[in-house]
Amino acid sequence: MNRNPMDEAISALKVAPVVTVGTCISALAALYLFSTDSKWYGAAVIVAVIFTGLLWMATPDIIQDAKKRAKARHRYPY
């Protein structure tokens, strides 16, 4: 019963949906603002770091949910 990256991604969206989406969007915004040489780049990086820290704190629950998904998908749970 190995969990794959798709199990972990779906579990992250189920356990912490706002944090997961916030991390992705703020990281993309930070990259865009960096490429356009904006003065708001630093603020976007700080927001991305905060969301990443919150997602890191939710990691044990995400892994536990991913293991449950992998176990439920397994044909013979023994």
Protein backbone atom coordinates (compact mmCIF):
# COMPACT_ATOMS: atom_id res chain seq x y z
CA MET A 1 0.00 0.00 0.00
CA ASN A 2 2.31 2.69 -1.24
CA ARG A 3 1.02 6.22 -1.47
CA ASN A 4 1.79 8.12 -4.62
CA PRO A 5 2.11 11.89 -5.20
CA MET A 6 -1.49 12.07 -6.42
CA ASP A 7 -2.71 10.67 -3.08
CA GLU A 8 -0.72 13.31 -1.24
CA ALA A 9 -1.97 16.14 -3.48
CA ILE A 10 -5.61 15.11 -3.10
CA SER A 11 -5.14 14.67 0.64
CA ALA A 12 -3.57 18.12 0.92
CA LEU A 13 -6.59 19.62 -0.82
CA LYS A 14 -8.92 17.69 1.51
CA VAL A 15 -7.08 18.42 4.78
CA ALA A 16 -5.99 22.03 4.20
CA PRO A 17 -7.61 23.39 1.03
CA VAL A 18 -7.13 27.11 1.72
CA VAL A 19 -3.51 26.68 2.75
CA THR A 20 -2.68 24.49 -0.26
CA VAL A 21 -4.25 26.85 -2.77
CA GLY A 22 -2.77 29.86 -0.97
CA THR A 23 0.71 28.37 -1.16
CA CYS A 24 0.42 27.69 -4.89
CA ILE A 25 -1.05 31.07 -5.79
CA SER A 26 1.30 33.11 -3.62
CA ALA A 27 4.35 31.29 -4.97
CA LEU A 28 3.23 31.92 -8.55
CA ALA A 29 2.49 35.55 -7.73
CA ALA A 30 5.93 35.94 -6.17
CA LEU A 31 7.57 34.49 -9.29
CA TYR A 32 5.56 36.79 -11.55
CA LEU A 33 6.33 39.88 -9.46
CA PHE A 34 10.01 38.94 -9.40
CA SER A 35 10.09 38.59 -13.18
CA THR A 36 8.45 41.99 -13.67
CA ASP A 37 10.81 43.60 -11.12
CA SER A 38 7.94 44.81 -8.94
CA LYS A 39 8.40 46.45 -5.56
CA TRP A 40 5.69 44.11 -4.14
CA TYR A 41 7.91 41.05 -4.63
CA GLY A 42 9.00 41.00 -0.97
CA ALA A 43 5.43 41.04 0.33
CA ALA A 44 4.47 38.17 -1.96
CA VAL A 45 7.46 36.14 -0.75
CA ILE A 46 6.50 36.70 2.89
CA VAL A 47 2.93 35.58 2.20
CA ALA A 48 4.24 32.50 0.36
CA VAL A 49 6.52 31.65 3.29
CA ILE A 50 3.64 31.98 5.77
CA PHE A 51 1.40 29.69 3.70
CA THR A 52 4.25 27.22 3.26
CA GLY A 53 4.80 27.11 7.02
CA LEU A 54 1.11 26.45 7.61
CA LEU A 55 1.17 23.68 5.01
CA TRP A 56 4.25 22.20 6.64
CA MET A 57 2.41 22.13 9.98
CA ALA A 58 -0.46 20.22 8.32
CA THR A 59 1.89 17.62 6.79
CA PRO A 60 1.31 14.84 9.39
CA ASP A 61 -2.45 14.99 8.81
CA ILE A 62 -1.93 15.03 5.05
CA ILE A 63 0.31 11.95 5.19
CA GLN A 64 -2.17 10.14 7.41
CA ASP A 65 -5.03 10.90 5.01
CA ALA A 66 -2.90 9.81 2.03
CA LYS A 67 -2.19 6.49 3.76
CA LYS A 68 -5.94 6.02 4.29
CA ARG A 69 -6.56 6.70 0.59
CA ALA A 70 -3.89 4.20 -0.43
CA LYS A 71 -5.29 1.58 1.94
CA ALA A 72 -8.84 2.10 0.67
CA ARG A 73 -7.65 1.77 -2.92
CA HIS A 74 -5.81 -1.51 -2.18
CA ARG A 75 -7.72 -4.57 -3.27
CA TYR A 76 -6.84 -6.75 -0.28
CA PRO A 77 -6.45 -4.63 2.87
CA TYR A 78 -4.69 -7.38 4.87
